[in-house]
């Protein structure tokens, strides 16, 4: 029996044990906090006009966040392009130096 087949057998055995433990094992405890759970009626209900104003405000905030997000992505892209340009410059310098060394070694 080769080492690869022994390792494969071991991995399969561990996987099987893990599946048995996970599927047939303990059930997760789920509990809602705080206990006892209290449900209270709202003191004041919102009117349709208040909800529409709230929706409009939230929509404006979301639009502002989207604009900031687009601006941030643009800045990140510019920064990435600048880093890539610097990296290519350094790679070109190394390639030039290597080609000079090759010329000296051959010549």
PDB file of N, CA and C in Angstrom:
ATOM      1  N   UNK A   1       0.856  -1.169   0.000  1.00  0.00           N
ATOM      2  CA  UNK A   1       0.000   0.000   0.000  1.00  0.00           C
ATOM      3  C   UNK A   1       0.906   1.238   0.000  1.00  0.00           C
ATOM      4  N   UNK A   2       0.659   2.155  -0.909  1.00  0.00           N
ATOM      5  CA  UNK A   2       1.508   3.338  -1.023  1.00  0.00           C
ATOM      6  C   UNK A   2       1.104   4.392   0.006  1.00  0.00           C
ATOM      7  N   UNK A   3       1.998   5.347   0.186  1.00  0.00           N
ATOM      8  CA  UNK A   3       1.739   6.427   1.144  1.00  0.00           C
ATOM      9  C   UNK A   3       0.523   7.239   0.719  1.00  0.00           C
ATOM     10  N   UNK A   4       0.395   7.490  -0.596  1.00  0.00           N
ATOM     11  CA  UNK A   4      -0.734   8.271  -1.098  1.00  0.00           C
ATOM     12  C   UNK A   4      -2.062   7.585  -0.804  1.00  0.00           C
ATOM     13  N   UNK A   5      -2.105   6.285  -0.998  1.00  0.00           N
ATOM     14  CA  UNK A   5      -3.356   5.574  -0.738  1.00  0.00           C
ATOM     15  C   UNK A   5      -3.661   5.520   0.748  1.00  0.00           C
ATOM     16  N   UNK A   6      -2.624   5.429   1.588  1.00  0.00           N
ATOM     17  CA  UNK A   6      -2.845   5.448   3.035  1.00  0.00           C
ATOM     18  C   UNK A   6      -3.359   6.819   3.482  1.00  0.00           C
ATOM     19  N   UNK A   7      -2.783   7.891   2.935  1.00  0.00           N
ATOM     20  CA  UNK A   7      -3.246   9.230   3.265  1.00  0.00           C
ATOM     21  C   UNK A   7      -4.678   9.446   2.794  1.00  0.00           C
ATOM     22  N   UNK A   8      -4.961   8.961   1.604  1.00  0.00           N
ATOM     23  CA  UNK A   8      -6.315   9.090   1.069  1.00  0.00           C
ATOM     24  C   UNK A   8      -7.313   8.337   1.936  1.00  0.00           C
ATOM     25  N   UNK A   9      -6.941   7.154   2.384  1.00  0.00           N
ATOM     26  CA  UNK A   9      -7.805   6.369   3.255  1.00  0.00           C
ATOM     27  C   UNK A   9      -8.032   7.085   4.585  1.00  0.00           C
ATOM     28  N   UNK A  10      -6.968   7.670   5.125  1.00  0.00           N
ATOM     29  CA  UNK A  10      -7.084   8.406   6.384  1.00  0.00           C
ATOM     30  C   UNK A  10      -7.987   9.622   6.253  1.00  0.00           C
ATOM     31  N   UNK A  11      -7.835  10.374   5.170  1.00  0.00           N
ATOM     32  CA  UNK A  11      -8.671  11.555   4.942  1.00  0.00           C
ATOM     33  C   UNK A  11     -10.131  11.142   4.782  1.00  0.00           C
ATOM     34  N   UNK A  12     -10.371  10.068   4.037  1.00  0.00           N
ATOM     35  CA  UNK A  12     -11.743   9.594   3.862  1.00  0.00           C
ATOM     36  C   UNK A  12     -12.355   9.157   5.189  1.00  0.00           C
ATOM     37  N   UNK A  13     -11.559   8.485   6.029  1.00  0.00           N
ATOM     38  CA  UNK A  13     -12.065   8.045   7.329  1.00  0.00           C
ATOM     39  C   UNK A  13     -12.402   9.243   8.210  1.00  0.00           C
ATOM     40  N   UNK A  14     -11.529  10.247   8.232  1.00  0.00           N
ATOM     41  CA  UNK A  14     -11.799  11.448   9.028  1.00  0.00           C
ATOM     42  C   UNK A  14     -13.029  12.190   8.515  1.00  0.00           C
ATOM     43  N   UNK A  15     -13.182  12.263   7.211  1.00  0.00           N
ATOM     44  CA  UNK A  15     -14.352  12.915   6.627  1.00  0.00           C
ATOM     45  C   UNK A  15     -15.621  12.190   7.023  1.00  0.00           C
ATOM     46  N   UNK A  16     -15.592  10.879   6.977  1.00  0.00           N
ATOM     47  CA  UNK A  16     -16.748  10.081   7.373  1.00  0.00           C
ATOM     48  C   UNK A  16     -17.085  10.295   8.843  1.00  0.00           C
ATOM     49  N   UNK A  17     -16.073  10.292   9.713  1.00  0.00           N
ATOM     50  CA  UNK A  17     -16.305  10.531  11.134  1.00  0.00           C
ATOM     51  C   UNK A  17     -16.889  11.922  11.375  1.00  0.00           C
ATOM     52  N   UNK A  18     -16.374  12.904  10.656  1.00  0.00           N
ATOM     53  CA  UNK A  18     -16.885  14.260  10.803  1.00  0.00           C
ATOM     54  C   UNK A  18     -18.349  14.335  10.374  1.00  0.00           C
ATOM     55  N   UNK A  19     -18.692  13.702   9.248  1.00  0.00           N
ATOM     56  CA  UNK A  19     -20.082  13.714   8.784  1.00  0.00           C
ATOM     57  C   UNK A  19     -21.005  13.021   9.771  1.00  0.00           C
ATOM     58  N   UNK A  20     -20.562  11.900  10.331  1.00  0.00           N
ATOM     59  CA  UNK A  20     -21.376  11.193  11.323  1.00  0.00           C
ATOM     60  C   UNK A  20     -21.593  12.080  12.538  1.00  0.00           C
ATOM     61  N   UNK A  21     -20.518  12.737  12.979  1.00  0.00           N
ATOM     62  CA  UNK A  21     -20.630  13.609  14.148  1.00  0.00           C
ATOM     63  C   UNK A  21     -21.540  14.795  13.866  1.00  0.00           C
ATOM     64  N   UNK A  22     -21.407  15.385  12.675  1.00  0.00           N
ATOM     65  CA  UNK A  22     -22.170  16.588  12.336  1.00  0.00           C
ATOM     66  C   UNK A  22     -23.642  16.266  12.100  1.00  0.00           C
ATOM     67  N   UNK A  23     -23.921  15.224  11.351  1.00  0.00           N
ATOM     68  CA  UNK A  23     -25.305  14.913  11.003  1.00  0.00           C
ATOM     69  C   UNK A  23     -26.051  14.201  12.126  1.00  0.00           C
ATOM     70  N   UNK A  24     -25.390  13.328  12.841  1.00  0.00           N
ATOM     71  CA  UNK A  24     -26.078  12.556  13.858  1.00  0.00           C
ATOM     72  C   UNK A  24     -25.801  13.035  15.258  1.00  0.00           C
ATOM     73  N   UNK A  25     -25.045  14.078  15.371  1.00  0.00           N
ATOM     74  CA  UNK A  25     -24.623  14.554  16.681  1.00  0.00           C
ATOM     75  C   UNK A  25     -25.640  15.443  17.361  1.00  0.00           C
ATOM     76  N   UNK A  26     -25.101  16.334  18.149  1.00  0.00           N
ATOM     77  CA  UNK A  26     -25.925  17.204  18.982  1.00  0.00           C
ATOM     78  C   UNK A  26     -26.696  18.210  18.137  1.00  0.00           C
ATOM     79  N   UNK A  27     -27.862  18.558  18.615  1.00  0.00           N
ATOM     80  CA  UNK A  27     -28.654  19.612  17.986  1.00  0.00           C
ATOM     81  C   UNK A  27     -28.219  20.936  18.589  1.00  0.00           C
ATOM     82  N   UNK A  28     -28.174  21.971  17.758  1.00  0.00           N
ATOM     83  CA  UNK A  28     -27.786  23.280  18.260  1.00  0.00           C
ATOM     84  C   UNK A  28     -28.913  23.869  19.097  1.00  0.00           C
ATOM     85  N   UNK A  29     -28.547  24.477  20.186  1.00  0.00           N
ATOM     86  CA  UNK A  29     -29.517  25.126  21.052  1.00  0.00           C
ATOM     87  C   UNK A  29     -29.817  26.509  20.485  1.00  0.00           C
ATOM     88  N   UNK A  30     -31.068  26.795  20.254  1.00  0.00           N
ATOM     89  CA  UNK A  30     -31.480  28.108  19.781  1.00  0.00           C
ATOM     90  C   UNK A  30     -32.427  28.704  20.794  1.00  0.00           C
ATOM     91  N   UNK A  31     -32.115  29.923  21.185  1.00  0.00           N
ATOM     92  CA  UNK A  31     -32.937  30.567  22.193  1.00  0.00           C
ATOM     93  C   UNK A  31     -33.037  32.048  21.865  1.00  0.00           C
ATOM     94  N   UNK A  32     -34.198  32.601  22.065  1.00  0.00           N
ATOM     95  CA  UNK A  32     -34.418  34.021  21.827  1.00  0.00           C
ATOM     96  C   UNK A  32     -34.246  34.740  23.150  1.00  0.00           C
ATOM     97  N   UNK A  33     -33.433  35.782  23.129  1.00  0.00           N
ATOM     98  CA  UNK A  33     -33.188  36.557  24.346  1.00  0.00           C
ATOM     99  C   UNK A  33     -33.953  37.852  24.276  1.00  0.00           C
ATOM    100  N   UNK A  34     -34.326  38.510  25.303  1.00  0.00           N
ATOM    101  CA  UNK A  34     -34.331  38.041  26.678  1.00  0.00           C
ATOM    102  C   UNK A  34     -35.511  37.121  26.913  1.00  0.00           C
ATOM    103  N   UNK A  35     -35.398  36.295  27.889  1.00  0.00           N
ATOM    104  CA  UNK A  35     -36.488  35.400  28.264  1.00  0.00           C
ATOM    105  C   UNK A  35     -37.061  35.859  29.585  1.00  0.00           C
ATOM    106  N   UNK A  36     -38.294  35.901  29.847  1.00  0.00           N
ATOM    107  CA  UNK A  36     -39.361  35.612  28.897  1.00  0.00           C
ATOM    108  C   UNK A  36     -39.489  36.745  27.886  1.00  0.00           C
ATOM    109  N   UNK A  37     -39.791  36.382  26.661  1.00  0.00           N
ATOM    110  CA  UNK A  37     -39.916  37.339  25.570  1.00  0.00           C
ATOM    111  C   UNK A  37     -41.150  38.201  25.787  1.00  0.00           C
ATOM    112  N   UNK A  38     -40.943  39.513  25.727  1.00  0.00           N
ATOM    113  CA  UNK A  38     -42.053  40.447  25.924  1.00  0.00           C
ATOM    114  C   UNK A  38     -42.338  41.167  24.619  1.00  0.00           C
ATOM    115  N   UNK A  39     -43.593  41.190  24.229  1.00  0.00           N
ATOM    116  CA  UNK A  39     -44.015  41.907  23.032  1.00  0.00           C
ATOM    117  C   UNK A  39     -44.947  43.016  23.485  1.00  0.00           C
ATOM    118  N   UNK A  40     -44.580  44.245  23.123  1.00  0.00           N
ATOM    119  CA  UNK A  40     -45.364  45.391  23.549  1.00  0.00           C
ATOM    120  C   UNK A  40     -45.906  46.121  22.333  1.00  0.00           C
ATOM    121  N   UNK A  41     -47.061  46.695  22.486  1.00  0.00           N
ATOM    122  CA  UNK A  41     -47.639  47.509  21.415  1.00  0.00           C
ATOM    123  C   UNK A  41     -46.894  48.842  21.355  1.00  0.00           C
ATOM    124  N   UNK A  42     -46.829  49.419  20.180  1.00  0.00           N
ATOM    125  CA  UNK A  42     -46.167  50.708  20.028  1.00  0.00           C
ATOM    126  C   UNK A  42     -47.000  51.794  20.686  1.00  0.00           C
ATOM    127  N   UNK A  43     -46.302  52.750  21.303  1.00  0.00           N
ATOM    128  CA  UNK A  43     -47.012  53.842  21.962  1.00  0.00           C
ATOM    129  C   UNK A  43     -47.680  54.750  20.926  1.00  0.00           C
ATOM    130  N   UNK A  44     -46.943  55.059  19.864  1.00  0.00           N
ATOM    131  CA  UNK A  44     -47.470  55.907  18.795  1.00  0.00           C
ATOM    132  C   UNK A  44     -47.263  55.197  17.466  1.00  0.00           C
ATOM    133  N   UNK A  45     -48.262  55.226  16.655  1.00  0.00           N
ATOM    134  CA  UNK A  45     -48.159  54.628  15.333  1.00  0.00           C
ATOM    135  C   UNK A  45     -47.777  55.708  14.334  1.00  0.00           C
ATOM    136  N   UNK A  46     -46.998  55.328  13.336  1.00  0.00           N
ATOM    137  CA  UNK A  46     -46.570  56.277  12.322  1.00  0.00           C
ATOM    138  C   UNK A  46     -47.667  56.449  11.279  1.00  0.00           C
ATOM    139  N   UNK A  47     -47.784  57.686  10.789  1.00  0.00           N
ATOM    140  CA  UNK A  47     -48.753  57.946   9.733  1.00  0.00           C
ATOM    141  C   UNK A  47     -48.105  57.649   8.386  1.00  0.00           C
ATOM    142  N   UNK A  48     -48.907  57.566   7.372  1.00  0.00           N
ATOM    143  CA  UNK A  48     -48.412  57.300   6.028  1.00  0.00           C
ATOM    144  C   UNK A  48     -47.481  58.417   5.574  1.00  0.00           C
ATOM    145  N   UNK A  49     -47.816  59.650   5.923  1.00  0.00           N
ATOM    146  CA  UNK A  49     -46.980  60.797   5.551  1.00  0.00           C
ATOM    147  C   UNK A  49     -45.620  60.702   6.220  1.00  0.00           C
ATOM    148  N   UNK A  50     -45.586  60.334   7.508  1.00  0.00           N
ATOM    149  CA  UNK A  50     -44.315  60.193   8.218  1.00  0.00           C
ATOM    150  C   UNK A  50     -43.465  59.085   7.604  1.00  0.00           C
ATOM    151  N   UNK A  51     -44.111  57.996   7.244  1.00  0.00           N
ATOM    152  CA  UNK A  51     -43.365  56.897   6.624  1.00  0.00           C
ATOM    153  C   UNK A  51     -42.820  57.290   5.261  1.00  0.00           C
ATOM    154  N   UNK A  52     -43.601  58.040   4.490  1.00  0.00           N
ATOM    155  CA  UNK A  52     -43.124  58.502   3.183  1.00  0.00           C
ATOM    156  C   UNK A  52     -41.942  59.453   3.343  1.00  0.00           C
ATOM    157  N   UNK A  53     -42.001  60.348   4.341  1.00  0.00           N
ATOM    158  CA  UNK A  53     -40.885  61.257   4.595  1.00  0.00           C
ATOM    159  C   UNK A  53     -39.641  60.473   5.023  1.00  0.00           C
ATOM    160  N   UNK A  54     -39.847  59.496   5.873  1.00  0.00           N
ATOM    161  CA  UNK A  54     -38.733  58.658   6.316  1.00  0.00           C
ATOM    162  C   UNK A  54     -38.120  57.904   5.138  1.00  0.00           C
ATOM    163  N   UNK A  55     -38.977  57.378   4.268  1.00  0.00           N
ATOM    164  CA  UNK A  55     -38.491  56.662   3.085  1.00  0.00           C
ATOM    165  C   UNK A  55     -37.698  57.591   2.182  1.00  0.00           C
ATOM    166  N   UNK A  56     -38.176  58.818   1.999  1.00  0.00           N
ATOM    167  CA  UNK A  56     -37.476  59.799   1.171  1.00  0.00           C
ATOM    168  C   UNK A  56     -36.117  60.139   1.770  1.00  0.00           C
ATOM    169  N   UNK A  57     -36.063  60.363   3.081  1.00  0.00           N
ATOM    170  CA  UNK A  57     -34.792  60.669   3.745  1.00  0.00           C
ATOM    171  C   UNK A  57     -33.810  59.517   3.605  1.00  0.00           C
ATOM    172  N   UNK A  58     -34.302  58.321   3.827  1.00  0.00           N
ATOM    173  CA  UNK A  58     -33.426  57.147   3.722  1.00  0.00           C
ATOM    174  C   UNK A  58     -32.949  56.955   2.291  1.00  0.00           C
ATOM    175  N   UNK A  59     -33.817  57.217   1.333  1.00  0.00           N
ATOM    176  CA  UNK A  59     -33.439  57.098  -0.072  1.00  0.00           C
ATOM    177  C   UNK A  59     -32.329  58.098  -0.407  1.00  0.00           C
ATOM    178  N   UNK A  60     -32.442  59.310   0.115  1.00  0.00           N
ATOM    179  CA  UNK A  60     -31.415  60.323  -0.124  1.00  0.00           C
ATOM    180  C   UNK A  60     -30.093  59.925   0.526  1.00  0.00           C
ATOM    181  N   UNK A  61     -30.167  59.377   1.741  1.00  0.00           N
ATOM    182  CA  UNK A  61     -28.954  58.922   2.418  1.00  0.00           C
ATOM    183  C   UNK A  61     -28.291  57.782   1.646  1.00  0.00           C
ATOM    184  N   UNK A  62     -29.099  56.868   1.155  1.00  0.00           N
ATOM    185  CA  UNK A  62     -28.561  55.739   0.390  1.00  0.00           C
ATOM    186  C   UNK A  62     -27.923  56.238  -0.902  1.00  0.00           C
ATOM    187  N   UNK A  63     -28.577  57.197  -1.580  1.00  0.00           N
ATOM    188  CA  UNK A  63     -27.989  57.758  -2.799  1.00  0.00           C
ATOM    189  C   UNK A  63     -26.653  58.427  -2.501  1.00  0.00           C
ATOM    190  N   UNK A  64     -26.572  59.143  -1.373  1.00  0.00           N
ATOM    191  CA  UNK A  64     -25.308  59.769  -0.976  1.00  0.00           C
ATOM    192  C   UNK A  64     -24.230  58.740  -0.718  1.00  0.00           C
ATOM    193  N   UNK A  65     -24.606  57.655  -0.047  1.00  0.00           N
ATOM    194  CA  UNK A  65     -23.638  56.583   0.216  1.00  0.00           C
ATOM    195  C   UNK A  65     -23.184  55.922  -1.078  1.00  0.00           C
ATOM    196  N   UNK A  66     -24.101  55.743  -2.022  1.00  0.00           N
ATOM    197  CA  UNK A  66     -23.725  55.159  -3.319  1.00  0.00           C
ATOM    198  C   UNK A  66     -22.729  56.051  -4.050  1.00  0.00           C
ATOM    199  N   UNK A  67     -22.940  57.380  -3.987  1.00  0.00           N
ATOM    200  CA  UNK A  67     -22.021  58.315  -4.641  1.00  0.00           C
ATOM    201  C   UNK A  67     -20.647  58.232  -3.988  1.00  0.00           C
ATOM    202  N   UNK A  68     -20.617  58.225  -2.644  1.00  0.00           N
ATOM    203  CA  UNK A  68     -19.343  58.093  -1.942  1.00  0.00           C
ATOM    204  C   UNK A  68     -18.663  56.783  -2.311  1.00  0.00           C
ATOM    205  N   UNK A  69     -19.457  55.724  -2.419  1.00  0.00           N
ATOM    206  CA  UNK A  69     -18.914  54.415  -2.770  1.00  0.00           C
ATOM    207  C   UNK A  69     -18.281  54.453  -4.162  1.00  0.00           C
ATOM    208  N   UNK A  70     -18.988  55.067  -5.123  1.00  0.00           N
ATOM    209  CA  UNK A  70     -18.434  55.184  -6.480  1.00  0.00           C
ATOM    210  C   UNK A  70     -17.148  56.004  -6.472  1.00  0.00           C
ATOM    211  N   UNK A  71     -17.135  57.104  -5.701  1.00  0.00           N
ATOM    212  CA  UNK A  71     -15.934  57.932  -5.617  1.00  0.00           C
ATOM    213  C   UNK A  71     -14.778  57.149  -5.007  1.00  0.00           C
ATOM    214  N   UNK A  72     -15.062  56.385  -3.936  1.00  0.00           N
ATOM    215  CA  UNK A  72     -14.022  55.581  -3.295  1.00  0.00           C
ATOM    216  C   UNK A  72     -13.483  54.527  -4.245  1.00  0.00           C
ATOM    217  N   UNK A  73     -14.366  53.905  -5.007  1.00  0.00           N
ATOM    218  CA  UNK A  73     -13.917  52.887  -5.964  1.00  0.00           C
ATOM    219  C   UNK A  73     -13.033  53.531  -7.033  1.00  0.00           C
ATOM    220  N   UNK A  74     -13.431  54.720  -7.487  1.00  0.00           N
ATOM    221  CA  UNK A  74     -12.612  55.426  -8.477  1.00  0.00           C
ATOM    222  C   UNK A  74     -11.223  55.731  -7.938  1.00  0.00           C
ATOM    223  N   UNK A  75     -11.156  56.189  -6.684  1.00  0.00           N
ATOM    224  CA  UNK A  75      -9.856  56.481  -6.074  1.00  0.00           C
ATOM    225  C   UNK A  75      -9.025  55.216  -5.926  1.00  0.00           C
ATOM    226  N   UNK A  76      -9.666  54.116  -5.533  1.00  0.00           N
ATOM    227  CA  UNK A  76      -8.937  52.855  -5.397  1.00  0.00           C
ATOM    228  C   UNK A  76      -8.415  52.376  -6.743  1.00  0.00           C
ATOM    229  N   UNK A  77      -9.220  52.541  -7.787  1.00  0.00           N
ATOM    230  CA  UNK A  77      -8.776  52.121  -9.121  1.00  0.00           C
ATOM    231  C   UNK A  77      -7.586  52.950  -9.584  1.00  0.00           C
ATOM    232  N   UNK A  78      -7.637  54.277  -9.359  1.00  0.00           N
ATOM    233  CA  UNK A  78      -6.512  55.137  -9.730  1.00  0.00           C
ATOM    234  C   UNK A  78      -5.255  54.738  -8.969  1.00  0.00           C
ATOM    235  N   UNK A  79      -5.415  54.465  -7.677  1.00  0.00           N
ATOM    236  CA  UNK A  79      -4.280  54.056  -6.854  1.00  0.00           C
ATOM    237  C   UNK A  79      -3.715  52.725  -7.343  1.00  0.00           C
ATOM    238  N   UNK A  80      -4.598  51.792  -7.694  1.00  0.00           N
ATOM    239  CA  UNK A  80      -4.146  50.485  -8.186  1.00  0.00           C
ATOM    240  C   UNK A  80      -3.405  50.637  -9.511  1.00  0.00           C
ATOM    241  N   UNK A  81      -3.907  51.500 -10.387  1.00  0.00           N
ATOM    242  CA  UNK A  81      -3.234  51.719 -11.669  1.00  0.00           C
ATOM    243  C   UNK A  81      -1.858  52.345 -11.461  1.00  0.00           C
ATOM    244  N   UNK A  82      -1.762  53.277 -10.504  1.00  0.00           N
ATOM    245  CA  UNK A  82      -0.463  53.899 -10.217  1.00  0.00           C
ATOM    246  C   UNK A  82       0.522  52.864  -9.681  1.00  0.00           C
ATOM    247  N   UNK A  83       0.040  52.000  -8.762  1.00  0.00           N
ATOM    248  CA  UNK A  83       0.914  50.943  -8.229  1.00  0.00           C
ATOM    249  C   UNK A  83       1.336  49.982  -9.330  1.00  0.00           C
ATOM    250  N   UNK A  84       0.418  49.642 -10.205  1.00  0.00           N
ATOM    251  CA  UNK A  84       0.747  48.724 -11.302  1.00  0.00           C
ATOM    252  C   UNK A  84       1.784  49.352 -12.225  1.00  0.00           C
ATOM    253  N   UNK A  85       1.633  50.658 -12.495  1.00  0.00           N
ATOM    254  CA  UNK A  85       2.611  51.345 -13.341  1.00  0.00           C
ATOM    255  C   UNK A  85       3.993  51.329 -12.720  1.00  0.00           C
ATOM    256  N   UNK A  86       4.075  51.588 -11.405  1.00  0.00           N
ATOM    257  CA  UNK A  86       5.365  51.562 -10.716  1.00  0.00           C
ATOM    258  C   UNK A  86       5.962  50.161 -10.751  1.00  0.00           C
ATOM    259  N   UNK A  87       5.119  49.168 -10.553  1.00  0.00           N
ATOM    260  CA  UNK A  87       5.590  47.787 -10.568  1.00  0.00           C
ATOM    261  C   UNK A  87       6.137  47.422 -11.947  1.00  0.00           C
ATOM    262  N   UNK A  88       5.424  47.813 -12.984  1.00  0.00           N
ATOM    263  CA  UNK A  88       5.902  47.529 -14.349  1.00  0.00           C
ATOM    264  C   UNK A  88       7.216  48.246 -14.623  1.00  0.00           C
ATOM    265  N   UNK A  89       7.378  49.460 -14.114  1.00  0.00           N
ATOM    266  CA  UNK A  89       8.640  50.189 -14.297  1.00  0.00           C
ATOM    267  C   UNK A  89       9.786  49.429 -13.644  1.00  0.00           C
ATOM    268  N   UNK A  90       9.545  48.926 -12.427  1.00  0.00           N
ATOM    269  CA  UNK A  90      10.606  48.169 -11.747  1.00  0.00           C
ATOM    270  C   UNK A  90      10.910  46.864 -12.474  1.00  0.00           C
ATOM    271  N   UNK A  91       9.869  46.200 -12.967  1.00  0.00           N
ATOM    272  CA  UNK A  91      10.089  44.952 -13.714  1.00  0.00           C
ATOM    273  C   UNK A  91      10.877  45.234 -14.983  1.00  0.00           C
ATOM    274  N   UNK A  92      10.536  46.318 -15.689  1.00  0.00           N
ATOM    275  CA  UNK A  92      11.277  46.681 -16.901  1.00  0.00           C
ATOM    276  C   UNK A  92      12.741  46.955 -16.588  1.00  0.00           C
ATOM    277  N   UNK A  93      13.015  47.628 -15.451  1.00  0.00           N
ATOM    278  CA  UNK A  93      14.398  47.908 -15.063  1.00  0.00           C
ATOM    279  C   UNK A  93      15.153  46.610 -14.791  1.00  0.00           C
ATOM    280  N   UNK A  94      14.499  45.664 -14.120  1.00  0.00           N
ATOM    281  CA  UNK A  94      15.143  44.373 -13.839  1.00  0.00           C
ATOM    282  C   UNK A  94      15.388  43.617 -15.137  1.00  0.00           C
ATOM    283  N   UNK A  95      14.426  43.623 -16.054  1.00  0.00           N
ATOM    284  CA  UNK A  95      14.612  42.936 -17.338  1.00  0.00           C
ATOM    285  C   UNK A  95      15.748  43.551 -18.137  1.00  0.00           C
ATOM    286  N   UNK A  96      15.855  44.865 -18.101  1.00  0.00           N
ATOM    287  CA  UNK A  96      16.946  45.542 -18.809  1.00  0.00           C
ATOM    288  C   UNK A  96      18.288  45.124 -18.219  1.00  0.00           C
ATOM    289  N   UNK A  97      18.375  45.101 -16.885  1.00  0.00           N
ATOM    290  CA  UNK A  97      19.626  44.705 -16.233  1.00  0.00           C
ATOM    291  C   UNK A  97      19.964  43.254 -16.547  1.00  0.00           C
ATOM    292  N   UNK A  98      18.982  42.385 -16.565  1.00  0.00           N
ATOM    293  CA  UNK A  98      19.224  40.963 -16.862  1.00  0.00           C
ATOM    294  C   UNK A  98      19.683  40.805 -18.304  1.00  0.00           C
ATOM    295  N   UNK A  99      19.091  41.539 -19.220  1.00  0.00           N
ATOM    296  CA  UNK A  99      19.496  41.422 -20.618  1.00  0.00           C
ATOM    297  C   UNK A  99      20.923  41.931 -20.798  1.00  0.00           C
ATOM    298  N   UNK A 100      21.318  42.972 -20.068  1.00  0.00           N
ATOM    299  CA  UNK A 100      22.704  43.446 -20.131  1.00  0.00           C
ATOM    300  C   UNK A 100      23.647  42.385 -19.603  1.00  0.00           C
ATOM    301  N   UNK A 101      23.266  41.735 -18.503  1.00  0.00           N
ATOM    302  CA  UNK A 101      24.116  40.665 -17.948  1.00  0.00           C
ATOM    303  C   UNK A 101      24.226  39.505 -18.908  1.00  0.00           C
ATOM    304  N   UNK A 102      23.147  39.151 -19.569  1.00  0.00           N
ATOM    305  CA  UNK A 102      23.187  38.054 -20.543  1.00  0.00           C
ATOM    306  C   UNK A 102      24.138  38.414 -21.693  1.00  0.00           C
ATOM    307  N   UNK A 103      24.103  39.677 -22.126  1.00  0.00           N
ATOM    308  CA  UNK A 103      24.984  40.111 -23.209  1.00  0.00           C
ATOM    309  C   UNK A 103      26.437  40.023 -22.793  1.00  0.00           C
ATOM    310  N   UNK A 104      26.721  40.372 -21.560  1.00  0.00           N
ATOM    311  CA  UNK A 104      28.109  40.291 -21.086  1.00  0.00           C
ATOM    312  C   UNK A 104      28.544  38.833 -20.938  1.00  0.00           C
ATOM    313  N   UNK A 105      27.638  37.964 -20.486  1.00  0.00           N
ATOM    314  CA  UNK A 105      27.982  36.560 -20.299  1.00  0.00           C
ATOM    315  C   UNK A 105      28.224  35.889 -21.638  1.00  0.00           C
ATOM    316  N   UNK A 106      27.438  36.253 -22.663  1.00  0.00           N
ATOM    317  CA  UNK A 106      27.584  35.628 -23.979  1.00  0.00           C
ATOM    318  C   UNK A 106      28.743  36.249 -24.748  1.00  0.00           C
ATOM    319  N   UNK A 107      28.931  37.519 -24.600  1.00  0.00           N
ATOM    320  CA  UNK A 107      29.917  38.240 -25.413  1.00  0.00           C
ATOM    321  C   UNK A 107      31.268  38.171 -24.843  1.00  0.00           C
TER     322      UNK A 107
END
